[in-house]
Amino acid sequence: MALRLFRIPLALGLIALAALAVPGRRASARVLTAAELELPALQDFVRLVQNGDADQLRGVYAPELFADMVVQQPKEYPAFVSPRQNVLTEFSTASQLGSTGLLAHNYLAGAQFARIEVGQPLYLIRGDGMTTAYVVTDMFRFQALQPNSADSEFLDLASGARLSATALFSRMYSWRGTVVFQTCIASDGTPTWGRLFIVAERSLEYDTRDLPQFHR
């Protein structure tokens, strides 16, 4: 158990530090508009990402914002984050606390997170085509007091409270049944200056508004 508790904050820090090792022109990255992306209809996106595996999360659809595929982390590699644009990574460690974590670099798919607002509907699609509706309920921003350290403490930008990496992970991912989007906040020339967390909860309001034929 001690090993598992150690790996949770370590994974949280390494996810951010992984951004420093990935080459690319981060400064020139920008978020494409929905028109530029030519988002598919929700029905078409569901068909696109289906692979028949009911146990595998395959896609996230945010109306008018993005339609991103989801990949899973390789076993024993909790710091992996996809290096591809428009691809989110399911955070395997978050499932230990009963939530679904979705990770993205802030110069790739994570750049889209800045456009998400409270009240935004989202659809999670599994490999068998089952579509579940969520709605964004909270957004949290933290400054990493040691951006280049996997053991950094964090400053809550809303309350001013300081949290350890372990406490931050527990606070963000311990709400069972929620979906949590995580990316880094770039500031002062530092790509891992802070962390952005976006929390979404199950929504009955949007269940029949789009694609009711895919709901089980």
N, C-alpha and C. Protein backbone atom coordinates (compact mmCIF):
# COMPACT_ATOMS: atom_id res chain seq x y z
N MET A 1 0.83 -1.21 0.00
CA MET A 1 0.00 0.00 0.00
C MET A 1 0.87 1.26 0.00
N ALA A 2 1.97 1.22 0.73
CA ALA A 2 2.84 2.40 0.76
C ALA A 2 3.36 2.72 -0.63
N LEU A 3 3.69 1.69 -1.40
CA LEU A 3 4.19 1.91 -2.75
C LEU A 3 3.13 2.57 -3.61
N ARG A 4 1.88 2.12 -3.48
CA ARG A 4 0.80 2.70 -4.28
C ARG A 4 0.59 4.15 -3.93
N LEU A 5 0.60 4.50 -2.64
CA LEU A 5 0.41 5.88 -2.23
C LEU A 5 1.54 6.76 -2.74
N PHE A 6 2.75 6.22 -2.80
CA PHE A 6 3.88 6.98 -3.32
C PHE A 6 3.72 7.23 -4.81
N ARG A 7 3.22 6.25 -5.55
CA ARG A 7 3.15 6.37 -6.99
C ARG A 7 2.07 7.34 -7.44
N ILE A 8 1.05 7.56 -6.62
CA ILE A 8 -0.03 8.46 -7.03
C ILE A 8 0.48 9.89 -7.22
N PRO A 9 1.10 10.53 -6.20
CA PRO A 9 1.60 11.89 -6.44
C PRO A 9 2.74 11.91 -7.44
N LEU A 10 3.55 10.85 -7.46
CA LEU A 10 4.65 10.80 -8.41
C LEU A 10 4.12 10.83 -9.83
N ALA A 11 3.07 10.06 -10.10
CA ALA A 11 2.48 10.05 -11.43
C ALA A 11 1.93 11.42 -11.79
N LEU A 12 1.29 12.09 -10.82
CA LEU A 12 0.73 13.41 -11.06
C LEU A 12 1.82 14.39 -11.46
N GLY A 13 2.98 14.33 -10.79
CA GLY A 13 4.07 15.23 -11.13
C GLY A 13 4.74 14.87 -12.43
N LEU A 14 4.92 13.59 -12.69
CA LEU A 14 5.59 13.17 -13.91
C LEU A 14 4.77 13.49 -15.14
N ILE A 15 3.45 13.48 -15.02
CA ILE A 15 2.60 13.84 -16.15
C ILE A 15 2.91 15.25 -16.61
N ALA A 16 3.08 16.15 -15.65
CA ALA A 16 3.42 17.53 -16.00
C ALA A 16 4.83 17.63 -16.55
N LEU A 17 5.78 16.94 -15.93
CA LEU A 17 7.17 17.03 -16.36
C LEU A 17 7.38 16.40 -17.72
N ALA A 18 6.50 15.48 -18.11
CA ALA A 18 6.63 14.86 -19.42
C ALA A 18 6.55 15.89 -20.53
N ALA A 19 5.85 16.98 -20.27
CA ALA A 19 5.72 18.04 -21.29
C ALA A 19 7.06 18.66 -21.61
N LEU A 20 7.97 18.68 -20.64
CA LEU A 20 9.28 19.30 -20.86
C LEU A 20 10.15 18.48 -21.79
N ALA A 21 9.84 17.19 -21.90
CA ALA A 21 10.69 16.31 -22.70
C ALA A 21 10.19 16.13 -24.12
N VAL A 22 9.04 16.70 -24.43
CA VAL A 22 8.45 16.52 -25.75
C VAL A 22 8.82 17.68 -26.65
N PRO A 23 9.51 17.44 -27.76
CA PRO A 23 9.89 18.54 -28.65
C PRO A 23 8.68 19.07 -29.40
N GLY A 24 8.80 20.28 -29.88
CA GLY A 24 7.70 20.82 -30.67
C GLY A 24 7.61 22.32 -30.50
N ARG A 25 6.88 22.96 -31.37
CA ARG A 25 6.75 24.41 -31.33
C ARG A 25 5.54 24.76 -30.50
N ARG A 26 5.68 24.63 -29.16
CA ARG A 26 4.54 24.85 -28.27
C ARG A 26 4.01 26.28 -28.37
N ALA A 27 4.90 27.22 -28.50
CA ALA A 27 4.48 28.62 -28.48
C ALA A 27 3.56 28.96 -29.63
N SER A 28 3.65 28.22 -30.74
CA SER A 28 2.84 28.54 -31.90
C SER A 28 1.52 27.78 -31.93
N ALA A 29 1.32 26.90 -30.94
CA ALA A 29 0.08 26.11 -30.93
C ALA A 29 -1.11 27.02 -30.67
N ARG A 30 -2.20 26.71 -31.32
CA ARG A 30 -3.44 27.45 -31.07
C ARG A 30 -4.62 26.50 -31.16
N VAL A 31 -5.71 26.91 -30.56
CA VAL A 31 -6.91 26.09 -30.57
C VAL A 31 -7.71 26.37 -31.82
N LEU A 32 -8.01 25.34 -32.58
CA LEU A 32 -8.84 25.51 -33.76
C LEU A 32 -10.29 25.71 -33.35
N THR A 33 -11.01 26.54 -34.10
CA THR A 33 -12.43 26.73 -33.82
C THR A 33 -13.20 25.51 -34.29
N ALA A 34 -14.46 25.42 -33.82
CA ALA A 34 -15.29 24.29 -34.22
C ALA A 34 -15.47 24.26 -35.74
N ALA A 35 -15.58 25.46 -36.34
CA ALA A 35 -15.74 25.52 -37.80
C ALA A 35 -14.49 25.01 -38.50
N GLU A 36 -13.31 25.38 -37.98
CA GLU A 36 -12.07 24.93 -38.59
C GLU A 36 -11.90 23.42 -38.45
N LEU A 37 -12.35 22.90 -37.31
CA LEU A 37 -12.24 21.47 -37.09
C LEU A 37 -13.28 20.68 -37.87
N GLU A 38 -14.36 21.36 -38.28
CA GLU A 38 -15.47 20.70 -38.95
C GLU A 38 -15.91 19.49 -38.14
N LEU A 39 -16.38 19.78 -36.94
CA LEU A 39 -16.77 18.70 -36.04
C LEU A 39 -17.83 17.82 -36.67
N PRO A 40 -17.68 16.50 -36.55
CA PRO A 40 -18.71 15.60 -37.05
C PRO A 40 -19.94 15.68 -36.15
N ALA A 41 -21.05 15.22 -36.65
CA ALA A 41 -22.23 15.08 -35.81
C ALA A 41 -21.92 14.04 -34.74
N LEU A 42 -22.59 14.15 -33.60
CA LEU A 42 -22.34 13.21 -32.52
C LEU A 42 -22.55 11.77 -32.97
N GLN A 43 -23.62 11.53 -33.73
CA GLN A 43 -23.86 10.17 -34.22
C GLN A 43 -22.69 9.64 -35.03
N ASP A 44 -22.14 10.49 -35.91
CA ASP A 44 -21.03 10.07 -36.76
C ASP A 44 -19.77 9.83 -35.95
N PHE A 45 -19.55 10.65 -34.93
CA PHE A 45 -18.36 10.47 -34.10
C PHE A 45 -18.43 9.17 -33.31
N VAL A 46 -19.61 8.83 -32.83
CA VAL A 46 -19.79 7.57 -32.10
C VAL A 46 -19.41 6.40 -33.00
N ARG A 47 -19.89 6.43 -34.23
CA ARG A 47 -19.57 5.34 -35.16
C ARG A 47 -18.08 5.30 -35.46
N LEU A 48 -17.45 6.47 -35.50
CA LEU A 48 -16.04 6.55 -35.83
C LEU A 48 -15.16 5.88 -34.78
N VAL A 49 -15.49 6.08 -33.49
CA VAL A 49 -14.61 5.60 -32.42
C VAL A 49 -14.97 4.21 -31.91
N GLN A 50 -16.10 3.67 -32.30
CA GLN A 50 -16.50 2.35 -31.83
C GLN A 50 -15.49 1.27 -32.23
N ASN A 51 -15.24 0.36 -31.29
CA ASN A 51 -14.40 -0.81 -31.61
C ASN A 51 -14.98 -2.10 -31.04
N GLY A 52 -16.19 -2.01 -30.46
CA GLY A 52 -16.87 -3.18 -29.94
C GLY A 52 -16.55 -3.51 -28.50
N ASP A 53 -15.60 -2.80 -27.86
CA ASP A 53 -15.20 -3.10 -26.48
C ASP A 53 -15.96 -2.20 -25.51
N ALA A 54 -16.93 -2.79 -24.81
CA ALA A 54 -17.76 -2.02 -23.89
C ALA A 54 -16.99 -1.52 -22.68
N ASP A 55 -15.84 -2.11 -22.39
CA ASP A 55 -15.07 -1.73 -21.21
C ASP A 55 -14.05 -0.63 -21.50
N GLN A 56 -13.98 -0.18 -22.74
CA GLN A 56 -12.95 0.79 -23.11
C GLN A 56 -13.55 2.13 -23.48
N LEU A 57 -13.05 3.20 -22.84
CA LEU A 57 -13.45 4.56 -23.19
C LEU A 57 -12.75 4.94 -24.49
N ARG A 58 -13.52 5.42 -25.47
CA ARG A 58 -12.96 5.63 -26.80
C ARG A 58 -13.01 7.07 -27.29
N GLY A 59 -13.92 7.90 -26.73
CA GLY A 59 -14.01 9.25 -27.24
C GLY A 59 -14.75 10.19 -26.31
N VAL A 60 -14.50 11.50 -26.49
CA VAL A 60 -15.21 12.56 -25.77
C VAL A 60 -15.69 13.58 -26.79
N TYR A 61 -16.97 13.90 -26.70
CA TYR A 61 -17.57 14.86 -27.63
C TYR A 61 -18.10 16.04 -26.83
N ALA A 62 -17.61 17.23 -27.14
CA ALA A 62 -18.07 18.46 -26.52
C ALA A 62 -18.72 19.31 -27.60
N PRO A 63 -20.05 19.39 -27.65
CA PRO A 63 -20.72 20.12 -28.72
C PRO A 63 -20.16 21.52 -28.93
N GLU A 64 -19.86 21.84 -30.19
CA GLU A 64 -19.35 23.13 -30.63
C GLU A 64 -17.90 23.40 -30.19
N LEU A 65 -17.26 22.43 -29.51
CA LEU A 65 -15.89 22.64 -29.06
C LEU A 65 -14.91 21.63 -29.66
N PHE A 66 -15.10 20.35 -29.38
CA PHE A 66 -14.16 19.36 -29.89
C PHE A 66 -14.76 17.97 -29.89
N ALA A 67 -14.16 17.12 -30.68
CA ALA A 67 -14.48 15.70 -30.72
C ALA A 67 -13.14 14.97 -30.70
N ASP A 68 -12.76 14.45 -29.53
CA ASP A 68 -11.43 13.87 -29.35
C ASP A 68 -11.52 12.38 -29.08
N MET A 69 -10.60 11.64 -29.67
CA MET A 69 -10.48 10.24 -29.35
C MET A 69 -9.78 10.09 -28.00
N VAL A 70 -9.94 8.93 -27.37
CA VAL A 70 -9.31 8.64 -26.08
C VAL A 70 -8.46 7.38 -26.22
N VAL A 71 -7.24 7.45 -25.69
CA VAL A 71 -6.37 6.28 -25.64
C VAL A 71 -6.09 5.96 -24.18
N GLN A 72 -5.70 4.71 -23.91
CA GLN A 72 -5.40 4.28 -22.56
C GLN A 72 -3.88 4.27 -22.34
N GLN A 73 -3.47 4.47 -21.10
CA GLN A 73 -2.06 4.44 -20.76
C GLN A 73 -1.53 3.00 -20.80
N PRO A 74 -0.32 2.81 -21.28
CA PRO A 74 0.29 1.48 -21.20
C PRO A 74 0.42 1.06 -19.74
N LYS A 75 0.34 -0.22 -19.48
CA LYS A 75 0.49 -0.71 -18.11
C LYS A 75 1.86 -0.30 -17.57
N GLU A 76 1.87 0.05 -16.29
CA GLU A 76 3.09 0.45 -15.59
C GLU A 76 3.71 1.73 -16.15
N TYR A 77 2.89 2.55 -16.83
CA TYR A 77 3.40 3.83 -17.34
C TYR A 77 2.37 4.92 -17.03
N PRO A 78 2.18 5.25 -15.73
CA PRO A 78 1.13 6.20 -15.34
C PRO A 78 1.43 7.64 -15.72
N ALA A 79 2.61 7.91 -16.26
CA ALA A 79 2.94 9.27 -16.68
C ALA A 79 2.71 9.49 -18.17
N PHE A 80 2.27 8.46 -18.89
CA PHE A 80 2.09 8.59 -20.34
C PHE A 80 0.95 9.54 -20.67
N VAL A 81 1.22 10.48 -21.57
CA VAL A 81 0.19 11.36 -22.13
C VAL A 81 0.39 11.37 -23.64
N SER A 82 -0.67 11.17 -24.38
CA SER A 82 -0.56 11.06 -25.83
C SER A 82 0.12 12.29 -26.44
N PRO A 83 1.05 12.07 -27.38
CA PRO A 83 1.71 13.18 -28.06
C PRO A 83 0.96 13.62 -29.32
N ARG A 84 -0.28 13.17 -29.48
CA ARG A 84 -1.04 13.48 -30.69
C ARG A 84 -2.10 14.54 -30.42
N GLN A 85 -2.32 15.39 -31.40
CA GLN A 85 -3.36 16.41 -31.31
C GLN A 85 -4.73 15.74 -31.36
N ASN A 86 -5.69 16.34 -30.63
CA ASN A 86 -7.07 15.85 -30.62
C ASN A 86 -7.19 14.43 -30.09
N VAL A 87 -6.28 14.05 -29.18
CA VAL A 87 -6.33 12.76 -28.52
C VAL A 87 -6.14 12.98 -27.02
N LEU A 88 -7.08 12.46 -26.22
CA LEU A 88 -6.99 12.52 -24.76
C LEU A 88 -6.48 11.18 -24.24
N THR A 89 -5.90 11.20 -23.06
CA THR A 89 -5.37 9.98 -22.45
C THR A 89 -6.12 9.69 -21.16
N GLU A 90 -6.63 8.47 -21.04
CA GLU A 90 -7.33 8.08 -19.81
C GLU A 90 -6.29 7.80 -18.73
N PHE A 91 -6.43 8.47 -17.59
CA PHE A 91 -5.48 8.41 -16.49
C PHE A 91 -5.80 7.18 -15.64
N SER A 92 -5.01 6.14 -15.77
CA SER A 92 -5.31 4.87 -15.11
C SER A 92 -5.32 5.00 -13.59
N THR A 93 -4.46 5.84 -13.03
CA THR A 93 -4.36 5.97 -11.58
C THR A 93 -5.63 6.56 -10.97
N ALA A 94 -6.34 7.39 -11.71
CA ALA A 94 -7.56 8.02 -11.18
C ALA A 94 -8.63 6.98 -10.85
N SER A 95 -8.64 5.89 -11.59
CA SER A 95 -9.67 4.87 -11.38
C SER A 95 -9.55 4.24 -10.00
N GLN A 96 -8.40 4.34 -9.35
CA GLN A 96 -8.24 3.81 -8.00
C GLN A 96 -9.16 4.51 -7.02
N LEU A 97 -9.52 5.76 -7.33
CA LEU A 97 -10.41 6.52 -6.46
C LEU A 97 -11.82 6.62 -7.03
N GLY A 98 -12.10 5.92 -8.12
CA GLY A 98 -13.47 5.84 -8.63
C GLY A 98 -13.86 6.91 -9.62
N SER A 99 -12.92 7.72 -10.09
CA SER A 99 -13.25 8.75 -11.08
C SER A 99 -12.61 8.40 -12.41
N THR A 100 -12.95 9.18 -13.43
CA THR A 100 -12.33 9.03 -14.75
C THR A 100 -11.47 10.25 -15.02
N GLY A 101 -10.18 10.04 -15.17
CA GLY A 101 -9.27 11.14 -15.46
C GLY A 101 -8.92 11.18 -16.93
N LEU A 102 -8.91 12.37 -17.50
CA LEU A 102 -8.56 12.55 -18.91
C LEU A 102 -7.47 13.61 -19.01
N LEU A 103 -6.33 13.22 -19.55
CA LEU A 103 -5.15 14.07 -19.58
C LEU A 103 -4.83 14.53 -20.99
N ALA A 104 -4.22 15.72 -21.10
CA ALA A 104 -3.75 16.21 -22.39
C ALA A 104 -2.72 17.29 -22.16
N HIS A 105 -1.70 17.33 -23.02
CA HIS A 105 -0.71 18.40 -22.95
C HIS A 105 -1.37 19.73 -23.31
N ASN A 106 -0.91 20.81 -22.66
CA ASN A 106 -1.54 22.11 -22.91
C ASN A 106 -1.17 22.72 -24.25
N TYR A 107 -0.24 22.13 -24.98
CA TYR A 107 0.09 22.61 -26.32
C TYR A 107 -0.49 21.70 -27.40
N LEU A 108 -1.27 20.68 -26.96
CA LEU A 108 -1.98 19.80 -27.90
C LEU A 108 -3.46 19.85 -27.56
N ALA A 109 -4.08 18.71 -27.30
CA ALA A 109 -5.52 18.68 -27.04
C ALA A 109 -5.90 19.49 -25.81
N GLY A 110 -4.98 19.61 -24.84
CA GLY A 110 -5.28 20.36 -23.63
C GLY A 110 -5.50 21.84 -23.87
N ALA A 111 -5.04 22.37 -25.00
CA ALA A 111 -5.26 23.78 -25.30
C ALA A 111 -6.75 24.08 -25.44
N GLN A 112 -7.53 23.06 -25.78
CA GLN A 112 -8.98 23.25 -25.94
C GLN A 112 -9.68 23.44 -24.59
N PHE A 113 -9.06 22.98 -23.51
CA PHE A 113 -9.72 23.01 -22.21
C PHE A 113 -10.02 24.44 -21.76
N ALA A 114 -9.23 25.39 -22.22
CA ALA A 114 -9.44 26.78 -21.82
C ALA A 114 -10.77 27.32 -22.32
N ARG A 115 -11.36 26.68 -23.32
CA ARG A 115 -12.63 27.13 -23.88
C ARG A 115 -13.83 26.49 -23.18
N ILE A 116 -13.58 25.51 -22.33
CA ILE A 116 -14.67 24.85 -21.62
C ILE A 116 -15.17 25.75 -20.50
N GLU A 117 -16.48 25.83 -20.34
CA GLU A 117 -17.08 26.62 -19.27
C GLU A 117 -18.01 25.75 -18.44
N VAL A 118 -18.28 26.20 -17.22
CA VAL A 118 -19.24 25.51 -16.37
C VAL A 118 -20.59 25.48 -17.10
N GLY A 119 -21.22 24.33 -17.10
CA GLY A 119 -22.49 24.16 -17.82
C GLY A 119 -22.33 23.51 -19.18
N GLN A 120 -21.09 23.33 -19.63
CA GLN A 120 -20.83 22.71 -20.92
C GLN A 120 -21.22 21.23 -20.88
N PRO A 121 -22.06 20.77 -21.82
CA PRO A 121 -22.37 19.34 -21.89
C PRO A 121 -21.23 18.58 -22.57
N LEU A 122 -21.05 17.35 -22.15
CA LEU A 122 -20.01 16.48 -22.71
C LEU A 122 -20.58 15.08 -22.87
N TYR A 123 -20.08 14.35 -23.84
CA TYR A 123 -20.51 12.97 -24.04
C TYR A 123 -19.29 12.06 -24.05
N LEU A 124 -19.31 11.04 -23.21
CA LEU A 124 -18.27 10.02 -23.20
C LEU A 124 -18.77 8.80 -23.94
N ILE A 125 -17.96 8.29 -24.85
CA ILE A 125 -18.37 7.19 -25.72
C ILE A 125 -17.49 5.98 -25.47
N ARG A 126 -18.11 4.85 -25.23
CA ARG A 126 -17.38 3.60 -25.02
C ARG A 126 -17.30 2.82 -26.32
N GLY A 127 -16.49 1.76 -26.30
CA GLY A 127 -16.22 1.03 -27.53
C GLY A 127 -17.43 0.36 -28.15
N ASP A 128 -18.47 0.09 -27.34
CA ASP A 128 -19.67 -0.53 -27.90
C ASP A 128 -20.66 0.51 -28.39
N GLY A 129 -20.29 1.79 -28.33
CA GLY A 129 -21.17 2.86 -28.79
C GLY A 129 -22.02 3.47 -27.70
N MET A 130 -21.95 2.93 -26.48
CA MET A 130 -22.75 3.50 -25.40
C MET A 130 -22.28 4.92 -25.10
N THR A 131 -23.20 5.87 -25.07
CA THR A 131 -22.90 7.29 -24.92
C THR A 131 -23.51 7.79 -23.61
N THR A 132 -22.68 8.38 -22.76
CA THR A 132 -23.13 8.87 -21.47
C THR A 132 -22.92 10.37 -21.39
N ALA A 133 -23.96 11.08 -20.96
CA ALA A 133 -23.91 12.54 -20.91
C ALA A 133 -23.40 13.04 -19.55
N TYR A 134 -22.56 14.07 -19.62
CA TYR A 134 -22.05 14.75 -18.42
C TYR A 134 -22.20 16.25 -18.63
N VAL A 135 -22.06 16.98 -17.54
CA VAL A 135 -22.06 18.44 -17.63
C VAL A 135 -20.97 18.97 -16.71
N VAL A 136 -20.25 20.00 -17.16
CA VAL A 136 -19.16 20.58 -16.37
C VAL A 136 -19.73 21.34 -15.19
N THR A 137 -19.23 21.02 -13.99
CA THR A 137 -19.74 21.64 -12.76
C THR A 137 -18.71 22.51 -12.04
N ASP A 138 -17.42 22.22 -12.22
CA ASP A 138 -16.40 22.96 -11.48
C ASP A 138 -15.12 23.07 -12.30
N MET A 139 -14.34 24.12 -11.99
CA MET A 139 -13.03 24.31 -12.60
C MET A 139 -12.08 24.77 -11.50
N PHE A 140 -10.88 24.20 -11.47
CA PHE A 140 -9.91 24.53 -10.44
C PHE A 140 -8.56 24.80 -11.07
N ARG A 141 -7.86 25.81 -10.53
CA ARG A 141 -6.53 26.17 -11.03
C ARG A 141 -5.54 26.23 -9.87
N PHE A 142 -4.38 25.65 -10.09
CA PHE A 142 -3.35 25.60 -9.06
C PHE A 142 -2.00 26.01 -9.65
N GLN A 143 -1.20 26.69 -8.85
CA GLN A 143 0.17 27.00 -9.22
C GLN A 143 1.10 25.96 -8.61
N ALA A 144 2.00 25.42 -9.42
CA ALA A 144 3.03 24.51 -8.90
C ALA A 144 4.15 25.35 -8.33
N LEU A 145 4.40 25.23 -7.04
CA LEU A 145 5.42 26.08 -6.41
C LEU A 145 6.83 25.68 -6.82
N GLN A 146 6.99 24.45 -7.30
CA GLN A 146 8.26 23.99 -7.87
C GLN A 146 7.94 23.29 -9.19
N PRO A 147 7.76 24.05 -10.26
CA PRO A 147 7.25 23.50 -11.53
C PRO A 147 8.08 22.35 -12.09
N ASN A 148 9.37 22.29 -11.78
CA ASN A 148 10.22 21.25 -12.34
C ASN A 148 10.41 20.06 -11.42
N SER A 149 9.61 20.00 -10.35
CA SER A 149 9.73 18.90 -9.39
C SER A 149 8.47 18.05 -9.39
N ALA A 150 8.65 16.73 -9.38
CA ALA A 150 7.51 15.81 -9.30
C ALA A 150 6.88 15.83 -7.92
N ASP A 151 7.57 16.41 -6.92
CA ASP A 151 7.06 16.46 -5.55
C ASP A 151 6.60 17.86 -5.15
N SER A 152 6.34 18.71 -6.13
CA SER A 152 5.99 20.10 -5.84
C SER A 152 4.73 20.21 -5.00
N GLU A 153 4.69 21.23 -4.15
CA GLU A 153 3.45 21.63 -3.51
C GLU A 153 2.71 22.55 -4.48
N PHE A 154 1.41 22.73 -4.20
CA PHE A 154 0.57 23.52 -5.10
C PHE A 154 -0.19 24.58 -4.33
N LEU A 155 -0.41 25.72 -4.99
CA LEU A 155 -1.16 26.82 -4.41
C LEU A 155 -2.50 26.93 -5.11
N ASP A 156 -3.58 26.81 -4.35
CA ASP A 156 -4.92 26.97 -4.90
C ASP A 156 -5.12 28.44 -5.25
N LEU A 157 -5.31 28.74 -6.53
CA LEU A 157 -5.39 30.14 -6.96
C LEU A 157 -6.68 30.81 -6.54
N ALA A 158 -7.67 30.04 -6.10
CA ALA A 158 -8.92 30.62 -5.63
C ALA A 158 -8.90 30.90 -4.13
N SER A 159 -8.37 29.97 -3.34
CA SER A 159 -8.42 30.11 -1.89
C SER A 159 -7.09 30.50 -1.27
N GLY A 160 -5.98 30.29 -1.99
CA GLY A 160 -4.67 30.56 -1.43
C GLY A 160 -4.12 29.43 -0.59
N ALA A 161 -4.86 28.33 -0.48
CA ALA A 161 -4.41 27.19 0.33
C ALA A 161 -3.28 26.46 -0.38
N ARG A 162 -2.36 25.89 0.42
CA ARG A 162 -1.26 25.08 -0.12
C ARG A 162 -1.60 23.60 0.06
N LEU A 163 -1.30 22.82 -0.98
CA LEU A 163 -1.57 21.39 -0.94
C LEU A 163 -0.34 20.63 -1.41
N SER A 164 -0.13 19.47 -0.81
CA SER A 164 0.90 18.56 -1.32
C SER A 164 0.39 17.91 -2.59
N ALA A 165 1.29 17.26 -3.32
CA ALA A 165 0.87 16.55 -4.53
C ALA A 165 -0.14 15.46 -4.19
N THR A 166 0.07 14.77 -3.07
CA THR A 166 -0.86 13.72 -2.65
C THR A 166 -2.23 14.31 -2.36
N ALA A 167 -2.27 15.42 -1.62
CA ALA A 167 -3.55 16.05 -1.28
C ALA A 167 -4.27 16.56 -2.52
N LEU A 168 -3.51 17.10 -3.46
CA LEU A 168 -4.13 17.61 -4.69
C LEU A 168 -4.75 16.47 -5.48
N PHE A 169 -4.01 15.36 -5.62
CA PHE A 169 -4.56 14.22 -6.34
C PHE A 169 -5.84 13.73 -5.68
N SER A 170 -5.83 13.57 -4.37
CA SER A 170 -7.00 13.08 -3.65
C SER A 170 -8.18 14.04 -3.81
N ARG A 171 -7.91 15.33 -3.72
CA ARG A 171 -8.99 16.31 -3.83
C ARG A 171 -9.64 16.29 -5.21
N MET A 172 -8.84 16.15 -6.25
CA MET A 172 -9.38 16.23 -7.59
C MET A 172 -10.03 14.94 -8.09
N TYR A 173 -9.51 13.81 -7.65
CA TYR A 173 -9.94 12.54 -8.25
C TYR A 173 -10.76 11.64 -7.33
N SER A 174 -11.07 12.09 -6.12
CA SER A 174 -11.78 11.22 -5.18
C SER A 174 -13.29 11.35 -5.26
N TRP A 175 -13.81 12.19 -6.15
CA TRP A 175 -15.26 12.29 -6.33
C TRP A 175 -15.71 11.18 -7.26
N ARG A 176 -16.27 10.13 -6.69
CA ARG A 176 -16.62 8.94 -7.45
C ARG A 176 -17.66 9.26 -8.52
N GLY A 177 -17.44 8.71 -9.70
CA GLY A 177 -18.38 8.89 -10.79
C GLY A 177 -18.17 10.15 -11.61
N THR A 178 -17.23 11.00 -11.22
CA THR A 178 -16.99 12.22 -11.98
C THR A 178 -15.97 11.98 -13.09
N VAL A 179 -15.94 12.91 -14.02
CA VAL A 179 -14.91 12.94 -15.06
C VAL A 179 -14.06 14.17 -14.82
N VAL A 180 -12.74 14.00 -14.79
CA VAL A 180 -11.83 15.10 -14.49
C VAL A 180 -10.85 15.28 -15.64
N PHE A 181 -10.87 16.44 -16.27
CA PHE A 181 -9.92 16.79 -17.31
C PHE A 181 -8.74 17.51 -16.66
N GLN A 182 -7.53 17.13 -17.00
CA GLN A 182 -6.34 17.76 -16.42
C GLN A 182 -5.35 18.14 -17.52
N THR A 183 -4.84 19.36 -17.40
CA THR A 183 -3.75 19.81 -18.26
C THR A 183 -2.91 20.80 -17.47
N CYS A 184 -1.78 21.19 -18.02
CA CYS A 184 -0.92 22.17 -17.37
C CYS A 184 -1.34 23.59 -17.76
N ILE A 185 -0.99 24.53 -16.91
CA ILE A 185 -1.15 25.96 -17.19
C ILE A 185 0.24 26.52 -17.47
N ALA A 186 0.42 27.12 -18.62
CA ALA A 186 1.70 27.75 -18.95
C ALA A 186 1.66 29.22 -18.54
N SER A 187 2.73 29.68 -17.93
CA SER A 187 2.82 31.08 -17.53
C SER A 187 4.28 31.45 -17.30
N ASP A 188 4.62 32.71 -17.54
CA ASP A 188 5.98 33.22 -17.30
C ASP A 188 7.03 32.39 -18.02
N GLY A 189 6.69 31.87 -19.20
CA GLY A 189 7.63 31.08 -19.97
C GLY A 189 7.83 29.66 -19.47
N THR A 190 7.03 29.24 -18.49
CA THR A 190 7.15 27.90 -17.93
C THR A 190 5.91 27.09 -18.31
N PRO A 191 6.07 26.03 -19.13
CA PRO A 191 4.91 25.27 -19.59
C PRO A 191 4.20 24.50 -18.50
N THR A 192 4.89 24.21 -17.37
CA THR A 192 4.27 23.46 -16.27
C THR A 192 4.07 24.34 -15.04
N TRP A 193 3.82 25.63 -15.26
CA TRP A 193 3.67 26.60 -14.16
C TRP A 193 2.54 26.20 -13.22
N GLY A 194 1.47 25.64 -13.75
CA GLY A 194 0.31 25.31 -12.92
C GLY A 194 -0.47 24.15 -13.49
N ARG A 195 -1.63 23.86 -12.86
CA ARG A 195 -2.50 22.77 -13.30
C ARG A 195 -3.93 23.28 -13.40
N LEU A 196 -4.62 22.84 -14.43
CA LEU A 196 -6.03 23.13 -14.61
C LEU A 196 -6.79 21.81 -14.51
N PHE A 197 -7.84 21.81 -13.68
CA PHE A 197 -8.71 20.65 -13.55
C PHE A 197 -10.14 21.08 -13.86
N ILE A 198 -10.80 20.31 -14.70
CA ILE A 198 -12.20 20.58 -15.05
C ILE A 198 -13.01 19.35 -14.67
N VAL A 199 -14.02 19.54 -13.82
CA VAL A 199 -14.80 18.43 -13.28
C VAL A 199 -16.19 18.41 -13.91
N ALA A 200 -16.60 17.24 -14.38
CA ALA A 200 -17.92 17.07 -14.97
C ALA A 200 -18.65 15.94 -14.24
N GLU A 201 -19.96 16.10 -14.09
CA GLU A 201 -20.78 15.10 -13.41
C GLU A 201 -21.84 14.56 -14.36
N ARG A 202 -22.32 13.38 -14.03
CA ARG A 202 -23.36 12.72 -14.83
C ARG A 202 -24.56 13.63 -14.97
N SER A 203 -25.11 13.70 -16.18
CA SER A 203 -26.23 14.61 -16.46
C SER A 203 -27.41 13.87 -17.06
N LEU A 204 -28.55 13.97 -16.41
CA LEU A 204 -29.78 13.43 -16.98
C LEU A 204 -30.41 14.42 -17.95
N GLU A 205 -30.09 15.71 -17.75
CA GLU A 205 -30.68 16.76 -18.59
C GLU A 205 -30.36 16.55 -20.06
N TYR A 206 -29.13 16.12 -20.36
CA TYR A 206 -28.69 16.02 -21.74
C TYR A 206 -28.81 14.60 -22.31
N ASP A 207 -29.33 13.67 -21.53
CA ASP A 207 -29.39 12.29 -22.00
C ASP A 207 -30.21 12.10 -23.26
N THR A 208 -31.31 12.79 -23.37
CA THR A 208 -32.20 12.59 -24.53
C THR A 208 -32.17 13.77 -25.49
N ARG A 209 -31.29 14.72 -25.27
CA ARG A 209 -31.22 15.88 -26.16
C ARG A 209 -30.51 15.54 -27.46
N ASP A 210 -29.52 14.66 -27.38
CA ASP A 210 -28.77 14.25 -28.56
C ASP A 210 -28.64 12.73 -28.56
N LEU A 211 -28.77 12.15 -29.68
CA LEU A 211 -28.45 10.75 -29.91
C LEU A 211 -29.10 9.78 -28.95
N PRO A 212 -30.40 9.85 -28.70
CA PRO A 212 -31.03 8.97 -27.72
C PRO A 212 -30.92 7.51 -28.11
N GLN A 213 -30.79 7.19 -29.39
CA GLN A 213 -30.74 5.79 -29.81
C GLN A 213 -29.49 5.07 -29.34
N PHE A 214 -28.47 5.81 -28.88
CA PHE A 214 -27.25 5.18 -28.42
C PHE A 214 -27.21 4.97 -26.92
N HIS A 215 -28.18 5.50 -26.20
CA HIS A 215 -28.19 5.36 -24.76
C HIS A 215 -28.78 4.03 -24.38
N ARG A 216 -28.19 3.38 -23.37
CA ARG A 216 -28.67 2.08 -22.90
C ARG A 216 -29.51 2.25 -21.65
